[in-house]
Each structure stands twice: as C-alpha cells, then as structure tokens.
Protein backbone atom coordinates (compact mmCIF):
# COMPACT_ATOMS: atom_id res chain seq x y z
CA MET A 1 157.42 -27.50 -82.79
CA THR A 2 154.69 -28.41 -80.31
CA PHE A 3 152.97 -25.62 -78.37
CA ARG A 4 152.25 -26.30 -74.71
CA LYS A 5 149.96 -24.68 -72.21
CA GLY A 6 151.07 -21.08 -71.65
CA ASP A 7 152.55 -20.70 -75.14
CA ARG A 8 149.60 -18.69 -76.45
CA SER A 9 151.56 -15.42 -76.45
CA ARG A 10 154.32 -17.03 -78.50
CA ARG A 11 151.78 -18.21 -81.05
CA GLU A 12 150.39 -14.68 -81.29
CA ILE A 13 153.86 -13.23 -81.73
CA LEU A 14 154.66 -15.72 -84.49
CA ALA A 15 151.36 -14.82 -86.14
CA GLU A 16 152.41 -11.15 -86.12
CA LEU A 17 155.79 -12.07 -87.57
CA HIS A 18 153.96 -13.97 -90.30
CA GLY A 19 151.87 -10.87 -90.99
CA SER A 20 155.08 -8.86 -91.37
CA LEU A 21 156.12 -10.92 -94.40
CA ASP A 22 154.02 -8.84 -96.80
CA ARG A 23 154.42 -5.63 -94.84
CA ARG A 24 157.40 -3.35 -94.22
CA TYR A 25 158.34 -3.73 -90.57
CA ARG A 26 161.70 -2.24 -89.58
CA PRO A 27 164.28 -4.96 -88.79
CA GLU A 28 164.51 -3.53 -85.27
CA ASP A 29 160.82 -4.16 -84.64
CA VAL A 30 161.11 -7.68 -86.04
CA ALA A 31 164.16 -8.36 -83.83
CA ASP A 32 162.14 -7.29 -80.78
CA LEU A 33 159.34 -9.71 -81.75
CA VAL A 34 161.90 -12.48 -82.33
CA LEU A 35 163.33 -11.99 -78.83
CA ARG A 36 159.86 -12.35 -77.37
CA ALA A 37 158.99 -15.34 -79.56
CA LEU A 38 162.11 -17.32 -78.70
CA ASP A 39 162.26 -16.01 -75.13
CA ARG A 40 164.24 -18.39 -72.88
CA ARG A 41 165.37 -20.61 -75.73
CA LEU A 42 168.15 -18.18 -76.68
CA SER A 43 171.73 -18.46 -75.46
CA ARG A 44 173.35 -15.44 -73.82
CA ARG A 45 175.33 -14.66 -76.99
CA GLU A 46 172.25 -14.93 -79.22
CA ARG A 47 170.31 -12.60 -76.95
CA VAL A 48 173.13 -10.03 -76.91
CA VAL A 49 173.32 -9.99 -80.73
CA LEU A 50 169.55 -9.64 -81.13
CA GLU A 51 169.47 -6.87 -78.54
CA ARG A 52 171.70 -4.75 -80.81
CA ALA A 53 168.71 -4.29 -83.07
CA ALA A 54 165.80 -4.75 -80.66
CA THR A 55 167.01 -1.90 -78.44
CA HIS A 56 166.17 0.46 -81.34
CA SER A 57 162.64 -0.89 -81.81
CA SER A 58 159.65 1.40 -81.66
CA ARG A 59 158.35 -0.43 -78.59
CA ARG A 60 161.60 0.10 -76.71
CA GLU A 61 162.24 3.71 -77.72
CA GLY A 62 158.63 4.82 -77.40
CA TRP A 63 158.29 6.41 -80.84
CA PHE A 64 157.20 5.26 -84.24
CA SER A 65 158.96 5.76 -87.54
CA SER A 66 157.63 8.32 -89.99
CA MET A 67 158.09 5.69 -92.70
CA SER A 68 155.15 3.46 -93.57
CA ALA A 69 155.14 -0.04 -92.07
CA ASP A 70 153.36 -1.41 -95.14
CA TYR A 71 153.54 -1.31 -98.91
CA ALA A 72 150.74 0.50 -100.69
CA ARG A 73 147.78 -1.81 -101.14
CA PRO A 74 145.47 -1.53 -104.16
CA VAL A 75 142.12 0.04 -103.36
CA GLY A 76 139.25 -2.33 -104.04
CA GLY A 77 136.00 -1.63 -105.85
CA ALA A 78 133.72 -1.15 -102.83
CA ARG A 79 132.83 2.40 -103.85
CA GLN A 80 131.90 1.37 -107.39
CA VAL A 81 129.89 -1.60 -106.12
CA ALA A 82 127.93 0.61 -103.73
CA ALA A 83 127.16 3.14 -106.48
CA ALA A 84 126.04 0.42 -108.91
CA SER A 85 123.87 -1.23 -106.27
CA ARG A 86 122.09 2.05 -105.58
CA LEU A 87 121.61 2.79 -109.26
CA PHE A 88 120.21 -0.66 -110.07
CA ASP A 89 118.43 -0.91 -106.70
CA ARG A 90 119.74 -4.46 -106.30
CA GLN A 91 122.08 -6.29 -103.94
CA VAL A 92 124.38 -8.93 -105.43
CA GLU A 93 126.99 -10.85 -103.44
CA VAL A 94 130.47 -9.68 -104.46
CA ASP A 95 134.03 -9.49 -103.13
CA PRO A 96 135.06 -5.92 -104.05
CA ASP A 97 138.75 -6.79 -103.61
CA ASP A 98 138.65 -9.61 -106.17
CA PRO A 99 138.84 -8.46 -109.83
CA GLU A 100 137.09 -11.58 -111.12
CA SER A 101 134.28 -11.16 -108.60
CA LEU A 102 133.91 -7.51 -109.68
CA LEU A 103 133.57 -8.54 -113.32
CA GLU A 104 131.02 -11.20 -112.42
CA PHE A 105 129.09 -8.61 -110.41
CA ALA A 106 129.05 -6.25 -113.41
CA ALA A 107 127.94 -9.03 -115.74
CA THR A 108 125.11 -10.03 -113.37
CA MET A 109 123.91 -6.45 -113.08
CA GLY A 110 124.33 -5.98 -116.80
CA ARG A 111 121.83 -8.67 -117.77
CA GLU A 112 119.09 -6.23 -116.86
CA ILE A 113 120.17 -3.86 -119.67
CA ARG A 114 121.75 -6.46 -121.99
CA TRP A 115 125.28 -5.33 -121.05
CA ALA A 116 128.26 -7.68 -120.90
CA PRO A 117 132.02 -7.13 -120.39
CA GLU A 118 132.66 -8.08 -124.02
CA ARG A 119 129.90 -5.72 -125.19
CA SER A 120 130.77 -2.52 -123.36
CA ASP A 121 131.75 -0.07 -126.09
CA PHE A 122 129.73 3.08 -125.41
CA LEU A 123 129.37 3.96 -129.09
CA ALA A 124 128.95 0.54 -130.67
CA ASP A 125 127.20 -1.64 -128.09
CA ARG A 126 124.41 0.45 -126.58
CA LEU A 127 120.83 -0.43 -127.48
CA ASN A 128 118.68 2.14 -129.26
CA ARG A 129 115.11 2.98 -128.27
CA ASP A 130 113.53 0.24 -130.37
CA SER A 131 115.97 -2.41 -129.09
CA ARG A 132 115.34 -1.38 -125.49
CA ALA A 133 111.57 -1.57 -126.05
CA ALA A 134 111.89 -4.99 -127.69
CA ALA A 135 113.89 -6.19 -124.68
CA GLY A 136 111.16 -4.98 -122.32
CA MET A 137 113.19 -2.17 -120.74
CA ASP A 138 111.13 0.63 -119.27
CA LEU A 139 114.09 3.01 -119.08
CA SER A 140 114.68 6.45 -120.53
CA LYS A 141 117.76 6.96 -122.65
CA ARG A 142 119.36 8.93 -119.81
CA GLN A 143 118.74 6.21 -117.21
CA TYR A 144 119.94 3.51 -119.60
CA ASN A 145 123.14 5.45 -120.35
CA ARG A 146 123.80 6.01 -116.64
CA ARG A 147 123.63 2.26 -116.00
CA PHE A 148 125.77 1.48 -119.03
CA ARG A 149 128.48 3.93 -117.92
CA MET A 150 128.34 2.62 -114.35
CA LEU A 151 128.98 -0.94 -115.45
CA ARG A 152 131.85 0.24 -117.65
CA ARG A 153 133.39 1.90 -114.57
CA VAL A 154 133.03 -1.30 -112.53
CA ALA A 155 134.69 -3.31 -115.32
CA ALA A 156 137.47 -0.71 -115.65
CA LYS A 157 138.03 -0.86 -111.89
CA ALA A 158 138.34 -4.64 -112.09
CA GLY A 159 141.06 -4.26 -114.73
CA THR A 160 142.95 -1.61 -112.77
CA LEU A 161 142.68 -3.62 -109.55
CA SER A 162 144.03 -6.73 -111.27
CA THR A 163 147.01 -4.78 -112.63
CA GLU A 164 147.82 -3.16 -109.28
CA GLN A 165 147.52 -6.44 -107.39
CA ASP A 166 149.84 -8.08 -109.90
CA LYS A 167 152.38 -5.28 -109.46
CA ARG A 168 152.26 -5.72 -105.69
CA ARG A 169 152.69 -9.49 -105.97
CA LEU A 170 155.80 -8.94 -108.10
CA LEU A 171 157.05 -6.34 -105.64
CA MET A 172 156.79 -8.94 -102.87
CA VAL A 173 158.72 -11.46 -104.99
CA GLY A 174 161.46 -8.86 -105.31
CA VAL A 175 161.79 -8.24 -101.58
CA THR A 176 160.77 -11.57 -100.00
CA GLY A 177 161.06 -14.20 -102.72
CA PHE A 178 158.04 -16.40 -102.04
CA GLY A 179 157.99 -15.54 -98.34
CA ALA A 180 154.65 -13.76 -98.53
CA ASP A 181 153.05 -17.01 -99.77
CA ILE A 182 154.16 -19.13 -96.80
CA PRO A 183 151.02 -20.49 -95.05
CA LEU A 184 150.52 -19.39 -91.44
CA GLU A 185 150.33 -23.00 -90.21
CA ARG A 186 153.68 -23.89 -91.74
CA PHE A 187 155.27 -20.67 -90.51
CA THR A 188 154.24 -21.15 -86.87
CA ALA A 189 155.21 -24.84 -86.89
CA ASP A 190 158.95 -24.03 -86.85
CA ALA A 191 159.75 -20.99 -84.69
CA ASP A 192 163.49 -20.95 -85.47
CA ALA A 193 163.02 -21.04 -89.25
CA ALA A 194 160.14 -18.56 -88.99
CA CYS A 195 162.23 -16.03 -87.05
CA PHE A 196 165.05 -16.20 -89.59
CA VAL A 197 162.60 -15.77 -92.49
CA ALA A 198 160.89 -12.79 -90.83
CA TYR A 199 164.11 -10.98 -89.90
CA TYR A 200 165.95 -11.62 -93.16
CA THR A 201 163.01 -10.45 -95.28
CA ALA A 202 162.68 -7.33 -93.10
CA ARG A 203 166.32 -6.56 -93.87
CA ARG A 204 165.67 -7.02 -97.59
CA LYS A 205 162.82 -4.51 -97.42
CA THR A 206 164.85 -1.62 -96.03
CA ARG A 207 164.67 1.46 -98.24
CA ARG A 208 167.53 2.61 -100.45
CA GLU A 209 169.51 5.62 -99.31
CA PHE A 210 170.48 8.48 -101.62
CA SER A 211 174.16 7.55 -101.52
CA LEU A 212 177.20 6.69 -103.61
CA ALA A 213 177.68 3.56 -101.53
CA GLY A 214 176.02 0.34 -102.63
CA ARG A 215 173.00 -1.14 -100.92
CA ASP A 216 173.67 -2.76 -97.53
CA ASN A 217 174.02 -6.53 -97.47
CA PRO A 218 170.72 -7.77 -95.98
CA PHE A 219 172.39 -10.83 -94.48
CA ASP A 220 173.83 -9.39 -91.29
CA GLU A 221 175.14 -10.84 -88.03
CA ILE A 222 171.62 -11.15 -86.60
CA ALA A 223 170.43 -13.10 -89.64
CA GLN A 224 173.48 -15.38 -89.22
CA VAL A 225 172.65 -16.04 -85.56
CA LEU A 226 169.06 -16.90 -86.44
CA LEU A 227 170.12 -19.15 -89.32
CA ASP A 228 172.59 -20.96 -87.06
CA ARG A 229 169.68 -21.90 -84.81
CA CYS A 230 168.13 -23.90 -87.63
CA THR A 231 169.11 -27.55 -87.36
CA ALA A 232 168.92 -30.54 -89.67
CA GLY A 233 165.27 -30.99 -88.71
CA SER A 234 164.28 -27.41 -89.53
CA ASP A 235 161.93 -26.47 -92.36
CA TRP A 236 164.56 -25.78 -95.02
CA TRP A 237 161.92 -25.66 -97.75
CA MET A 238 160.41 -22.64 -96.02
CA ILE A 239 163.83 -21.02 -95.67
CA ALA A 240 164.54 -21.67 -99.36
CA GLN A 241 161.49 -19.58 -100.28
CA VAL A 242 163.42 -16.46 -99.18
CA TRP A 243 167.09 -17.47 -99.23
CA ALA A 244 167.93 -19.78 -102.13
CA THR A 245 171.65 -20.28 -101.49
CA PRO A 246 173.69 -23.42 -102.22
CA GLU A 247 173.83 -24.35 -98.52
CA VAL A 248 170.03 -24.13 -98.22
CA LEU A 249 169.20 -25.75 -101.57
CA GLY A 250 171.61 -28.56 -100.73
CA ARG A 251 169.29 -29.57 -97.89
CA LEU A 252 166.31 -30.03 -100.24
CA THR A 253 165.38 -33.10 -102.23
CA ASP A 254 165.74 -33.11 -106.02
CA GLU A 255 161.95 -32.96 -106.28
CA GLU A 256 161.84 -29.87 -104.04
CA ARG A 257 164.63 -28.16 -105.98
CA GLY A 258 162.84 -28.90 -109.24
CA ARG A 259 159.60 -27.49 -107.89
CA LEU A 260 161.37 -24.35 -106.70
CA LEU A 261 163.05 -24.03 -110.11
CA GLY A 262 159.60 -24.02 -111.71
CA GLN A 263 158.38 -21.32 -109.32
CA TRP A 264 161.33 -19.05 -110.07
CA SER A 265 161.10 -19.67 -113.81
CA ALA A 266 157.42 -18.73 -113.87
CA ALA A 267 158.06 -15.60 -111.79
CA MET A 268 160.97 -14.56 -114.03
CA ARG A 269 158.94 -14.96 -117.23
CA HIS A 270 155.95 -13.12 -115.79
CA GLY A 271 158.17 -10.30 -114.54
CA ALA A 272 159.76 -10.02 -117.97
CA ASP A 273 156.34 -9.79 -119.65
CA VAL A 274 155.29 -6.95 -117.35
CA LEU A 275 158.61 -5.15 -117.90
CA ARG A 276 158.12 -5.42 -121.65
CA ALA A 277 154.88 -3.44 -121.38
CA ARG A 278 156.64 -0.78 -119.27
CA TRP A 279 159.80 -0.40 -121.33
CA ASN A 280 160.36 3.04 -122.88
CA PRO A 281 162.25 2.50 -126.17
CA GLY A 282 163.59 6.04 -125.87
CA THR A 283 165.58 5.20 -122.73
CA ASP A 284 169.36 5.30 -123.14
CA ARG A 285 170.36 1.79 -122.10
CA THR A 286 174.00 2.84 -121.63
CA THR A 287 173.12 5.20 -118.76
CA MET A 288 169.59 4.21 -117.63
CA ILE A 289 168.94 7.77 -116.48
CA VAL A 290 165.25 8.35 -115.87
CA ARG A 291 163.45 10.49 -118.46
CA ARG A 292 160.61 12.92 -117.85
CA GLY A 293 157.34 11.01 -117.73
CA ASP A 294 158.92 7.68 -116.73
CA ASP A 295 157.40 5.84 -113.77
CA SER A 296 160.78 4.97 -112.30
CA THR A 297 159.35 3.59 -109.05
CA THR A 298 157.26 0.97 -110.84
CA TRP A 299 160.07 0.11 -113.26
CA ASN A 300 162.61 -0.29 -110.46
CA ASN A 301 160.26 -2.44 -108.37
CA LEU A 302 159.63 -4.69 -111.37
CA ALA A 303 163.36 -4.85 -112.16
CA VAL A 304 164.09 -5.94 -108.59
CA ALA A 305 161.41 -8.64 -108.86
CA TYR A 306 162.71 -9.92 -112.20
CA ASN A 307 166.33 -9.96 -111.02
CA ALA A 308 165.39 -11.75 -107.78
CA ALA A 309 163.48 -14.39 -109.76
CA ARG A 310 166.38 -14.74 -112.20
CA ALA A 311 168.85 -15.16 -109.33
CA GLY A 312 166.64 -17.83 -107.74
CA TRP A 313 166.31 -19.57 -111.11
CA LEU A 314 170.10 -19.63 -111.56
CA ALA A 315 170.60 -20.90 -108.00
CA CYS A 316 168.22 -23.79 -108.62
CA LEU A 317 169.85 -24.60 -111.96
CA ALA A 318 173.23 -24.70 -110.22
CA SER A 319 171.90 -26.93 -107.42
CA LEU A 320 170.60 -29.34 -110.06
CA ASP A 321 173.90 -29.21 -112.00
CA ALA A 322 171.96 -27.83 -114.98
CA LEU A 323 173.73 -24.55 -115.80
CA ASP A 324 174.52 -26.04 -119.23
CA LEU A 325 171.01 -24.97 -120.21
CA LEU A 326 172.40 -21.43 -120.45
CA GLU A 327 174.23 -22.52 -123.59
CA VAL A 328 170.85 -22.42 -125.33
CA ALA A 329 169.36 -19.28 -123.78
CA CYS A 330 170.73 -16.96 -121.11
CA PRO A 331 168.43 -13.99 -120.44
CA GLY A 332 170.29 -11.10 -118.84
CA LYS A 333 169.58 -8.94 -115.83
CA VAL A 334 167.48 -5.77 -115.95
CA MET A 335 168.97 -2.48 -114.76
CA ARG A 336 167.15 0.01 -112.57
CA LEU A 337 166.51 3.56 -113.70
CA MET A 338 168.77 6.11 -112.01
CA ALA A 339 167.86 9.66 -110.97
CA ALA A 340 169.75 12.31 -112.95
CA ASP A 341 170.97 14.04 -109.78
CA LEU A 342 172.46 10.83 -108.40
CA ALA A 343 174.13 10.14 -111.75
CA ALA A 344 175.58 13.65 -111.73
CA TRP A 345 176.89 13.08 -108.20
CA HIS A 346 178.64 9.92 -109.37
CA ARG A 347 180.28 11.78 -112.23
CA GLY A 348 181.22 14.71 -110.01
CA THR A 349 183.15 12.44 -107.66
CA GLY A 350 185.03 10.74 -110.47
CA GLY A 351 182.75 7.74 -110.68
CA GLY A 352 181.18 6.28 -113.76
CA VAL A 353 178.29 4.11 -114.87
CA ASP A 354 177.96 0.73 -113.18
CA PRO A 355 179.70 -1.80 -115.46
CA ASN A 356 176.64 -4.04 -115.17
CA THR A 357 174.78 -1.36 -117.15
CA ALA A 358 177.21 -1.81 -120.03
CA VAL A 359 176.46 -5.56 -120.08
CA TRP A 360 172.71 -4.89 -120.04
CA ALA A 361 173.09 -2.43 -122.92
CA ALA A 362 175.12 -4.88 -125.02
CA LEU A 363 172.67 -7.77 -124.75
CA PRO A 364 169.20 -8.31 -126.24
CA LEU A 365 166.30 -7.31 -124.01
CA PRO A 366 165.58 -10.23 -121.62
CA TRP A 367 161.90 -10.56 -122.56
CA GLU A 368 162.89 -10.97 -126.20
CA VAL A 369 165.27 -13.77 -125.23
CA LEU A 370 162.62 -15.49 -123.14
CA ASP A 371 159.97 -15.39 -125.87
CA GLY A 372 162.43 -16.58 -128.52
CA THR A 373 162.46 -13.44 -130.69
CA ALA A 374 166.14 -12.77 -129.86
CA ARG A 375 169.08 -15.08 -129.28
CA CYS A 376 171.40 -14.72 -126.28
CA THR A 377 173.60 -17.56 -125.04
CA ARG A 378 176.03 -17.90 -122.16
CA ALA A 379 178.88 -17.16 -124.57
CA ASP A 380 177.21 -13.87 -125.56
CA VAL A 381 176.84 -12.85 -121.92
CA GLU A 382 180.39 -13.86 -121.07
CA GLY A 383 181.72 -11.76 -123.95
CA ALA A 384 179.74 -8.70 -122.82
CA CYS A 385 180.98 -9.18 -119.24
CA ARG A 386 184.61 -9.42 -120.34
CA THR A 387 184.25 -6.21 -122.33
CA ALA A 388 182.81 -4.49 -119.23
CA GLY A 389 185.54 -5.88 -116.97
CA LEU A 390 183.25 -8.18 -114.98
CA ASP A 391 183.58 -11.82 -114.00
CA PRO A 392 180.36 -13.29 -115.51
CA ALA A 393 179.94 -15.93 -112.82
CA ARG A 394 180.90 -13.97 -109.70
CA SER A 395 178.80 -10.99 -110.78
CA GLY A 396 175.69 -13.17 -111.16
CA TRP A 397 175.29 -12.99 -114.94
CA THR A 398 175.92 -16.69 -115.69
CA ALA A 399 175.84 -18.27 -112.23
CA PRO A 400 174.50 -17.52 -108.74
CA ALA A 401 176.28 -14.38 -107.53
CA ALA A 402 179.03 -14.88 -104.98
CA ARG A 403 177.85 -14.56 -101.40
CA ARG A 404 178.77 -11.20 -99.87
CA GLY A 405 179.59 -12.51 -96.40
CA VAL A 406 178.00 -11.29 -93.18
CA ALA A 407 177.32 -7.58 -92.64
CA VAL A 408 177.62 -5.79 -89.33
CA TYR A 409 174.22 -4.69 -88.06
CA ARG A 410 173.48 -1.01 -88.66
CA PRO A 411 170.37 0.74 -87.31
CA THR A 412 167.78 1.45 -89.99
CA PRO A 413 168.01 5.13 -90.98
CA GLU A 414 164.97 7.38 -91.00
CA LEU A 415 164.65 8.33 -94.67
CA VAL A 416 162.83 11.04 -96.60
CA HIS A 417 163.08 10.25 -100.32
CA GLY A 418 166.33 8.41 -99.64
CA VAL A 419 167.86 11.15 -97.45
CA SER A 420 168.66 10.16 -93.87
CA ILE A 421 167.10 12.34 -91.16
CA ALA A 422 168.16 12.26 -87.52
CA ASP A 423 164.68 12.47 -86.01
CA PRO A 424 161.38 10.85 -87.10
CA VAL A 425 159.33 13.93 -86.17
CA TRP A 426 161.47 16.15 -88.39
CA ALA A 427 161.34 13.44 -91.07
CA ALA A 428 157.54 13.51 -91.04
CA LEU A 429 157.49 17.31 -91.36
CA LEU A 430 160.04 17.34 -94.20
CA ARG A 431 158.07 14.66 -96.06
CA ARG A 432 154.81 16.61 -95.72
CA ALA A 433 156.57 19.75 -96.93
CA GLY A 434 157.82 17.96 -100.05
CA VAL A 435 161.54 18.39 -99.29
CA PHE A 436 163.83 16.17 -101.43
CA SER A 437 160.83 15.11 -103.55
CA GLY A 438 161.96 16.94 -106.68
CA ARG A 439 158.95 19.25 -106.43
CA SER A 440 158.49 22.69 -104.90
CA VAL A 441 158.32 22.84 -101.12
CA LYS A 442 154.81 23.59 -99.82
CA PRO A 443 154.77 27.33 -98.97
CA GLU A 444 152.89 26.88 -95.69
CA LEU A 445 155.59 24.50 -94.41
CA ALA A 446 158.64 26.09 -96.05
CA ALA A 447 159.72 28.08 -93.00
CA ASP A 448 159.54 25.10 -90.63
CA ALA A 449 161.30 22.85 -93.13
CA GLY A 450 164.05 25.43 -93.63
CA HIS A 451 164.57 25.67 -89.88
CA GLY A 452 164.92 21.91 -89.65
CA LEU A 453 167.44 21.76 -92.49
CA ALA A 454 169.44 24.62 -90.95
CA SER A 455 169.51 22.85 -87.58
CA GLY A 456 171.36 19.87 -89.02
CA VAL A 457 168.69 17.16 -89.00
CA VAL A 458 170.03 15.77 -92.31
CA VAL A 459 172.72 13.19 -91.56
CA SER A 460 173.29 11.86 -95.09
CA ASP A 461 176.27 12.76 -97.23
CA LEU A 462 174.74 14.82 -100.01
CA PRO A 463 176.10 16.41 -103.20
CA THR A 464 176.48 20.18 -103.22
CA ILE A 465 174.80 20.40 -106.64
CA GLY A 466 172.14 18.49 -108.49
CA LEU A 467 169.78 17.84 -105.55
CA PRO A 468 166.03 17.92 -106.23
CA GLU A 469 164.46 21.26 -105.48
CA GLY A 470 163.88 21.65 -101.75
C-alpha cells in the first residue's frame, strides 16, 4: 500500500502491531489497534465483528491485565562486561546482548593474561609464577586469578545467553511460525495482511487454561474477517509465515513453497536436537506425567515449537505433492508433559490419556528418526494410529491436520497458573501470594488471598481434589 499525507498515525500503529509479533499482546488489544490501523477502510460488518474483541481492550476498559505482555527475554552480559572492564581497567567495544560479541570481548581482554576461550580450565590452563614472569606480567597470583575467573564468567555468560536466546527463538516458532522474523518494511507495506498476521498470532499466544476442555481454536471469526480482506494482490508469502494452510500455500509459487519447506525442515530438525538434550529417559511415555525435577515449561515450549515446525513441513510437502517422502522417514509428533493433578482430574471424570500419547509412545523418538539412528516410516505411524483409534491423516500424523473451522470469539480470560480469575487486581494478588503455583502460599498474603478465593473470584471449573497447594 502507499501511505499518503496524514497517514503517519497508521504507520505508527502498524509499527506497534509489528512489535507485537514477538511479544504477548492480548487479542483484544491487537483488535483495538487493527480498528485504528484500518480505520475507515472497514465495512460496517467488519467493524462490528472487530468491536467484539476491541471493546475488551485495556485502552477501552481503562485497566491492564495482570499477565505479562511479553515473553521473558534473556538477560544480556552488561553486568559481566562492566565488572571485567573495571578489573582490567580497559574499555573494549562490545554488544553485551550478542553471545559471539561477548566471547570476542573476553578473548580480547584475555590476551593480556594469555587467556583464551579454548584455554579456560582453572586447574589446567593457568600460568604459574615463572610463566607469568616470562610473559611480562606484573601481577600477583591473586590478581591474576581474579582476572582468569572473571573471563571464565564472561565466557559462561555467553554460553548461557546463547542457549536462552535459542530457546526463545524456538518458542516464537511455536507460537508465531516465522512471524517474528517478518521485516518491518514488508509488514507495513500491506496493512490488510499485516493485521491478519498480528491478530492471528496474538490468538495463538493465549495461555492455556487449567481445564479438561481442549485448547481454543486460534482461528476465530475475527481472524476470518481479516483474512477475507486479503485479496489476490495481498502478500500471501507473509501470511504463509504464520498460517501455512492449503489455501494460503496454493497462492505461492513452487519456488516459494520449496523455500518455506526448507525453513520448516530446518526448524523441525533444530527443535528435535534441542528436545533430545532435554529428554528425561525416566519419563513414562505412555502417560507423559511430569516428574519431580523436570522443567516442564521448557519441554512443553520446545514440544510446541517442534510440532508447529513439523506441521508446517507436512503442509509444504502436501502442497508440493511430495508426501510420498514419508514412506522413507516419518518422524512423529512430540507430546507435552502433563501435570499430575490435571491427569488425576481427567481420570476422576472418567477420561483417559490422549490417544495421541499412545502413538507417541509406540514410535521411535523423533530425533532418532531424523538423525537416522531409528527407522520410522508412514506405515509404522499408520499402524500405531490405528491401534490408538486415530485417523493418521486427519489427526496430523501423516498429513496436515484437518482444519478445525472458525471459532466464536471468546474474551481472553485472566489467568493465574492456568486458573481463570474474574478480576485482574485479584489475579495480581493471587499470583504474588503463590496461589495455584504448587508451592506454599506466602504467609504475609495468605489472609488476603483466602478472602479473594472465598469471595468467588475464581471462575474456572476446578477439580475438588488434586489441586496444587494453595
């Protein structure tokens, strides 16, 4: 689209919508921004549908959610850089949020004491007194050791930062596809496609409720209205980054579909490698109930990322009429870890384990299939699905999963550890008190939290037994 004089506010709004792609805006707040971005270009019906969500936005209601509007961001190495600079009494240009720059900074500082990232073992690589004297170092053992340890901390921070940034990138793949990588210039060039991308990804980022019901379908009536605004001339490549369905992929060229296939394949393999390092061999694959000491949040985020990449990969294979490749290798899905109390609630209401878990348990681990150490073909997956009572294609094991239709918009609930709370102020207090966290409630807030619970602020359906303490 071409911006004319007076469109500056629209450009700013689109820029904020672009910024929301790697944040966690509520769909209501995104819908309000969409209304302002598209302004008079909307039909009466489109405006009415968008208003269903926008009327619940923070700007309209005058309050802000107790839930974070962003995903946790890794903390950079600014503190370590400052400490090292003071210790060495030197200033070296460095980007403390870039792991490679941190390592280069440490290596540069380390030349002064003959330290290098590959020679950082505190017992084996330090220089003795004679070696320090031969190198011309006028440092006491204590001062030398302080510098050596400091550089080790900078290098360790670089490694931790790289790992945490990688985890966040995979998290964004799980909830936005490749939406967070869309350049600002491309995003603002097509307002209709941009508004669909921003709203649909906001819906995908909504938190899971502690419930027996499945997760809400992110493609709701508002997403449908916004998609319908996209015409033949819209940026369908941008839309395909977040919604790789047959109708969208069918609008791309073969070259574009092949490129997208490569992106999804790389993301799937990388996600599988990270999952391999996190897998606890002691986990019961037939139940996937979390064990003490498991980092279930990280595992589940990585599982979502891997499954999203796998689904995109299958969609691209189908669009290229290449699903026959699954005859050679068909890596399966990865199941999320389930809290023991939620599993007990399922059993107490006559439910059982998700049949998809039985398929996962019957097949080789996906990372072993992808690296060639285990064999799993489409026939193997189809057999496991039949045993579990699932249609392998419609359930997304051997083909893109069947589309779930269009959901009716539902206001985003205010959640505390998955439990829906009627009021954001009460939600903030209950979260600070540690209610529903599985840990003991903070004594200083126990009375206030108890009053809130007694007054009926919890609006979720909850089990009568098996809840976390609090």
